[in-house]
């Protein structure tokens, strides 16, 4: 994905967050099972920490998938249509729609955080502010939009290149 230092920085941070959250979820899950089923201790609150960490893992992982352009796609156009230009235009339209949907999700995330800030809901046992888990939705969607804009521009260049090739042929 380009040679932009910002993209490399975000990639390093995202991968670090994914590894760190994966380790935390693994350790806390093992601890919960051991304490609950082996030592028969009640471990209230550990699931709240796990849920918070999983939120971060999920949304940063989704951003990483957008960065790598490895999200699951149902691209039937490439199999049905053989004209490369038509396929490129369809992919460009799909990228525009993706950016629009992510933009709506960013708006919803901002609204959600603003509501959290006014109400300040907390988890039941440990009183962890829910805004900590909800804030990552905005971070994740913002990163996804950044990456999808990059892929949109890449698709736009692809359409331009194919158009020039057609004109020269």
Foldseek 3Di string as FASTA:
>chain_A
DDPDPVLVVLLVVLVVLLVVLVVLLVVLVVVCCCCCPVVVDDDPPSVVVNVLSVLLNVLSVLLVCLLVVPDDDDPCCVVPDDDPLVSLVVVLVVLVVVLVVLVVQLVVLVVVLVVCVVVQAADDPPRHGCSSSSVSSNVSSVSSNVSSVVVSVVSVVVSVVVVVVVVVD
